[in-house]
């Protein structure tokens, strides 16, 4: 639930995929900092919550 994640103090986003393609830290920081990370799938979902809808 992105509304819950949005309120977190810190996020550690692991990935970028699952299995052998995962397990690396893709992004870490506050939800707003993660939303600015273009490599983070979580950041891509959080971005509209902080910066409005994509155009």
PDB file of N, CA and C in Angstrom:
ATOM      1  N   UNK A   1       0.849  -1.170   0.000  1.00  0.00           N
ATOM      2  CA  UNK A   1       0.000   0.000   0.000  1.00  0.00           C
ATOM      3  C   UNK A   1       0.899   1.238   0.000  1.00  0.00           C
ATOM      4  N   UNK A   2       0.903   1.969  -1.089  1.00  0.00           N
ATOM      5  CA  UNK A   2       1.783   3.128  -1.233  1.00  0.00           C
ATOM      6  C   UNK A   2       1.430   4.260  -0.273  1.00  0.00           C
ATOM      7  N   UNK A   3       0.192   4.347   0.172  1.00  0.00           N
ATOM      8  CA  UNK A   3      -0.170   5.382   1.153  1.00  0.00           C
ATOM      9  C   UNK A   3       0.532   5.120   2.482  1.00  0.00           C
ATOM     10  N   UNK A   4       0.731   3.851   2.832  1.00  0.00           N
ATOM     11  CA  UNK A   4       1.455   3.500   4.056  1.00  0.00           C
ATOM     12  C   UNK A   4       2.948   3.744   3.860  1.00  0.00           C
ATOM     13  N   UNK A   5       3.498   3.286   2.727  1.00  0.00           N
ATOM     14  CA  UNK A   5       4.921   3.478   2.446  1.00  0.00           C
ATOM     15  C   UNK A   5       5.257   4.960   2.394  1.00  0.00           C
ATOM     16  N   UNK A   6       4.354   5.765   1.859  1.00  0.00           N
ATOM     17  CA  UNK A   6       4.566   7.213   1.753  1.00  0.00           C
ATOM     18  C   UNK A   6       4.820   7.842   3.126  1.00  0.00           C
ATOM     19  N   UNK A   7       4.276   7.250   4.185  1.00  0.00           N
ATOM     20  CA  UNK A   7       4.398   7.806   5.540  1.00  0.00           C
ATOM     21  C   UNK A   7       5.601   7.255   6.310  1.00  0.00           C
ATOM     22  N   UNK A   8       6.363   6.353   5.700  1.00  0.00           N
ATOM     23  CA  UNK A   8       7.506   5.745   6.388  1.00  0.00           C
ATOM     24  C   UNK A   8       8.612   6.768   6.638  1.00  0.00           C
ATOM     25  N   UNK A   9       9.400   6.531   7.683  1.00  0.00           N
ATOM     26  CA  UNK A   9      10.558   7.387   7.950  1.00  0.00           C
ATOM     27  C   UNK A   9      11.665   7.116   6.936  1.00  0.00           C
ATOM     28  N   UNK A  10      11.905   5.843   6.644  1.00  0.00           N
ATOM     29  CA  UNK A  10      12.952   5.426   5.712  1.00  0.00           C
ATOM     30  C   UNK A  10      12.455   4.247   4.889  1.00  0.00           C
ATOM     31  N   UNK A  11      12.928   4.161   3.651  1.00  0.00           N
ATOM     32  CA  UNK A  11      12.631   3.029   2.773  1.00  0.00           C
ATOM     33  C   UNK A  11      13.960   2.469   2.289  1.00  0.00           C
ATOM     34  N   UNK A  12      14.064   1.147   2.253  1.00  0.00           N
ATOM     35  CA  UNK A  12      15.171   0.476   1.580  1.00  0.00           C
ATOM     36  C   UNK A  12      14.527  -0.367   0.493  1.00  0.00           C
ATOM     37  N   UNK A  13      14.753   0.015  -0.755  1.00  0.00           N
ATOM     38  CA  UNK A  13      14.144  -0.644  -1.910  1.00  0.00           C
ATOM     39  C   UNK A  13      15.154  -1.624  -2.490  1.00  0.00           C
ATOM     40  N   UNK A  14      14.839  -2.922  -2.412  1.00  0.00           N
ATOM     41  CA  UNK A  14      15.711  -3.965  -2.934  1.00  0.00           C
ATOM     42  C   UNK A  14      15.235  -4.393  -4.307  1.00  0.00           C
ATOM     43  N   UNK A  15      16.158  -4.766  -5.153  1.00  0.00           N
ATOM     44  CA  UNK A  15      15.771  -5.205  -6.496  1.00  0.00           C
ATOM     45  C   UNK A  15      16.990  -5.290  -7.385  1.00  0.00           C
ATOM     46  N   UNK A  16      16.857  -5.013  -8.652  1.00  0.00           N
ATOM     47  CA  UNK A  16      15.694  -4.397  -9.270  1.00  0.00           C
ATOM     48  C   UNK A  16      14.583  -5.384  -9.587  1.00  0.00           C
ATOM     49  N   UNK A  17      14.893  -6.671  -9.645  1.00  0.00           N
ATOM     50  CA  UNK A  17      13.893  -7.708  -9.903  1.00  0.00           C
ATOM     51  C   UNK A  17      13.939  -8.691  -8.740  1.00  0.00           C
ATOM     52  N   UNK A  18      13.357  -9.853  -8.932  1.00  0.00           N
ATOM     53  CA  UNK A  18      13.404 -10.892  -7.923  1.00  0.00           C
ATOM     54  C   UNK A  18      14.449 -11.940  -8.272  1.00  0.00           C
ATOM     55  N   UNK A  19      14.668 -12.877  -7.379  1.00  0.00           N
ATOM     56  CA  UNK A  19      15.589 -13.978  -7.636  1.00  0.00           C
ATOM     57  C   UNK A  19      17.010 -13.516  -7.887  1.00  0.00           C
ATOM     58  N   UNK A  20      17.646 -14.102  -8.905  1.00  0.00           N
ATOM     59  CA  UNK A  20      19.036 -13.783  -9.234  1.00  0.00           C
ATOM     60  C   UNK A  20      19.224 -12.339  -9.663  1.00  0.00           C
ATOM     61  N   UNK A  21      18.164 -11.684 -10.101  1.00  0.00           N
ATOM     62  CA  UNK A  21      18.260 -10.300 -10.567  1.00  0.00           C
ATOM     63  C   UNK A  21      17.971  -9.293  -9.460  1.00  0.00           C
ATOM     64  N   UNK A  22      17.811  -9.780  -8.246  1.00  0.00           N
ATOM     65  CA  UNK A  22      17.467  -8.890  -7.132  1.00  0.00           C
ATOM     66  C   UNK A  22      18.506  -8.925  -6.035  1.00  0.00           C
ATOM     67  N   UNK A  23      18.100  -8.397  -4.889  1.00  0.00           N
ATOM     68  CA  UNK A  23      18.952  -8.441  -3.718  1.00  0.00           C
ATOM     69  C   UNK A  23      19.932  -7.296  -3.579  1.00  0.00           C
ATOM     70  N   UNK A  24      19.872  -6.346  -4.477  1.00  0.00           N
ATOM     71  CA  UNK A  24      20.739  -5.176  -4.394  1.00  0.00           C
ATOM     72  C   UNK A  24      19.919  -3.976  -3.928  1.00  0.00           C
ATOM     73  N   UNK A  25      20.547  -3.057  -3.221  1.00  0.00           N
ATOM     74  CA  UNK A  25      19.847  -1.843  -2.808  1.00  0.00           C
ATOM     75  C   UNK A  25      19.739  -0.930  -4.020  1.00  0.00           C
ATOM     76  N   UNK A  26      18.513  -0.706  -4.465  1.00  0.00           N
ATOM     77  CA  UNK A  26      18.244   0.160  -5.614  1.00  0.00           C
ATOM     78  C   UNK A  26      18.112   1.604  -5.145  1.00  0.00           C
ATOM     79  N   UNK A  27      17.460   1.782  -4.009  1.00  0.00           N
ATOM     80  CA  UNK A  27      17.247   3.128  -3.472  1.00  0.00           C
ATOM     81  C   UNK A  27      17.067   3.020  -1.966  1.00  0.00           C
ATOM     82  N   UNK A  28      17.473   4.072  -1.270  1.00  0.00           N
ATOM     83  CA  UNK A  28      17.196   4.151   0.161  1.00  0.00           C
ATOM     84  C   UNK A  28      17.079   5.614   0.533  1.00  0.00           C
ATOM     85  N   UNK A  29      16.287   5.865   1.559  1.00  0.00           N
ATOM     86  CA  UNK A  29      16.083   7.225   2.027  1.00  0.00           C
ATOM     87  C   UNK A  29      14.639   7.443   2.406  1.00  0.00           C
ATOM     88  N   UNK A  30      14.281   8.695   2.515  1.00  0.00           N
ATOM     89  CA  UNK A  30      12.888   9.027   2.814  1.00  0.00           C
ATOM     90  C   UNK A  30      12.036   8.669   1.605  1.00  0.00           C
ATOM     91  N   UNK A  31      10.731   8.527   1.784  1.00  0.00           N
ATOM     92  CA  UNK A  31       9.880   8.243   0.636  1.00  0.00           C
ATOM     93  C   UNK A  31      10.039   9.270  -0.492  1.00  0.00           C
ATOM     94  N   UNK A  32      10.185  10.544  -0.142  1.00  0.00           N
ATOM     95  CA  UNK A  32      10.353  11.560  -1.183  1.00  0.00           C
ATOM     96  C   UNK A  32      11.686  11.396  -1.914  1.00  0.00           C
ATOM     97  N   UNK A  33      12.739  11.045  -1.192  1.00  0.00           N
ATOM     98  CA  UNK A  33      14.033  10.796  -1.840  1.00  0.00           C
ATOM     99  C   UNK A  33      13.942   9.603  -2.784  1.00  0.00           C
ATOM    100  N   UNK A  34      13.287   8.529  -2.350  1.00  0.00           N
ATOM    101  CA  UNK A  34      13.125   7.348  -3.200  1.00  0.00           C
ATOM    102  C   UNK A  34      12.280   7.691  -4.425  1.00  0.00           C
ATOM    103  N   UNK A  35      11.294   8.563  -4.272  1.00  0.00           N
ATOM    104  CA  UNK A  35      10.444   8.938  -5.414  1.00  0.00           C
ATOM    105  C   UNK A  35      11.231   9.662  -6.499  1.00  0.00           C
ATOM    106  N   UNK A  36      12.387  10.221  -6.151  1.00  0.00           N
ATOM    107  CA  UNK A  36      13.228  10.908  -7.132  1.00  0.00           C
ATOM    108  C   UNK A  36      14.217   9.976  -7.825  1.00  0.00           C
ATOM    109  N   UNK A  37      14.281   8.713  -7.392  1.00  0.00           N
ATOM    110  CA  UNK A  37      15.211   7.750  -7.975  1.00  0.00           C
ATOM    111  C   UNK A  37      14.546   7.075  -9.169  1.00  0.00           C
ATOM    112  N   UNK A  38      15.037   7.349 -10.371  1.00  0.00           N
ATOM    113  CA  UNK A  38      14.413   6.832 -11.595  1.00  0.00           C
ATOM    114  C   UNK A  38      14.634   5.336 -11.793  1.00  0.00           C
ATOM    115  N   UNK A  39      15.587   4.725 -11.076  1.00  0.00           N
ATOM    116  CA  UNK A  39      15.849   3.290 -11.208  1.00  0.00           C
ATOM    117  C   UNK A  39      14.978   2.453 -10.277  1.00  0.00           C
ATOM    118  N   UNK A  40      14.281   3.097  -9.369  1.00  0.00           N
ATOM    119  CA  UNK A  40      13.478   2.403  -8.364  1.00  0.00           C
ATOM    120  C   UNK A  40      12.038   2.241  -8.846  1.00  0.00           C
ATOM    121  N   UNK A  41      11.578   0.974  -8.908  1.00  0.00           N
ATOM    122  CA  UNK A  41      10.169   0.737  -9.247  1.00  0.00           C
ATOM    123  C   UNK A  41       9.262   1.343  -8.181  1.00  0.00           C
ATOM    124  N   UNK A  42       9.660   1.226  -6.928  1.00  0.00           N
ATOM    125  CA  UNK A  42       8.886   1.829  -5.844  1.00  0.00           C
ATOM    126  C   UNK A  42       8.842   3.337  -6.012  1.00  0.00           C
ATOM    127  N   UNK A  43       9.970   3.932  -6.369  1.00  0.00           N
ATOM    128  CA  UNK A  43      10.031   5.372  -6.608  1.00  0.00           C
ATOM    129  C   UNK A  43       9.111   5.818  -7.724  1.00  0.00           C
ATOM    130  N   UNK A  44       9.014   5.003  -8.769  1.00  0.00           N
ATOM    131  CA  UNK A  44       8.130   5.339  -9.888  1.00  0.00           C
ATOM    132  C   UNK A  44       6.671   5.378  -9.443  1.00  0.00           C
ATOM    133  N   UNK A  45       6.301   4.486  -8.529  1.00  0.00           N
ATOM    134  CA  UNK A  45       4.927   4.457  -8.026  1.00  0.00           C
ATOM    135  C   UNK A  45       4.688   5.594  -7.030  1.00  0.00           C
ATOM    136  N   UNK A  46       5.706   5.924  -6.225  1.00  0.00           N
ATOM    137  CA  UNK A  46       5.571   7.007  -5.249  1.00  0.00           C
ATOM    138  C   UNK A  46       5.570   8.390  -5.898  1.00  0.00           C
ATOM    139  N   UNK A  47       6.244   8.532  -7.028  1.00  0.00           N
ATOM    140  CA  UNK A  47       6.438   9.850  -7.652  1.00  0.00           C
ATOM    141  C   UNK A  47       5.141  10.651  -7.787  1.00  0.00           C
ATOM    142  N   UNK A  48       4.046  10.091  -8.313  1.00  0.00           N
ATOM    143  CA  UNK A  48       2.819  10.895  -8.429  1.00  0.00           C
ATOM    144  C   UNK A  48       2.252  11.348  -7.079  1.00  0.00           C
ATOM    145  N   UNK A  49       2.533  10.597  -6.012  1.00  0.00           N
ATOM    146  CA  UNK A  49       2.034  10.989  -4.694  1.00  0.00           C
ATOM    147  C   UNK A  49       2.731  12.244  -4.181  1.00  0.00           C
ATOM    148  N   UNK A  50       3.969  12.468  -4.610  1.00  0.00           N
ATOM    149  CA  UNK A  50       4.738  13.633  -4.168  1.00  0.00           C
ATOM    150  C   UNK A  50       4.787  14.745  -5.204  1.00  0.00           C
ATOM    151  N   UNK A  51       4.750  14.376  -6.480  1.00  0.00           N
ATOM    152  CA  UNK A  51       4.994  15.351  -7.540  1.00  0.00           C
ATOM    153  C   UNK A  51       3.818  15.513  -8.496  1.00  0.00           C
ATOM    154  N   UNK A  52       2.673  14.957  -8.164  1.00  0.00           N
ATOM    155  CA  UNK A  52       1.524  15.044  -9.060  1.00  0.00           C
ATOM    156  C   UNK A  52       1.594  13.990 -10.148  1.00  0.00           C
ATOM    157  N   UNK A  53       0.575  13.951 -10.963  1.00  0.00           N
ATOM    158  CA  UNK A  53       0.470  12.950 -12.028  1.00  0.00           C
ATOM    159  C   UNK A  53       1.480  13.221 -13.126  1.00  0.00           C
ATOM    160  N   UNK A  54       1.921  12.115 -13.788  1.00  0.00           N
ATOM    161  CA  UNK A  54       2.798  12.250 -14.950  1.00  0.00           C
ATOM    162  C   UNK A  54       2.037  12.908 -16.083  1.00  0.00           C
ATOM    163  N   UNK A  55       2.767  13.670 -16.875  1.00  0.00           N
ATOM    164  CA  UNK A  55       2.118  14.290 -18.032  1.00  0.00           C
ATOM    165  C   UNK A  55       2.665  13.730 -19.302  1.00  0.00           C
TER     166      UNK A  55
END
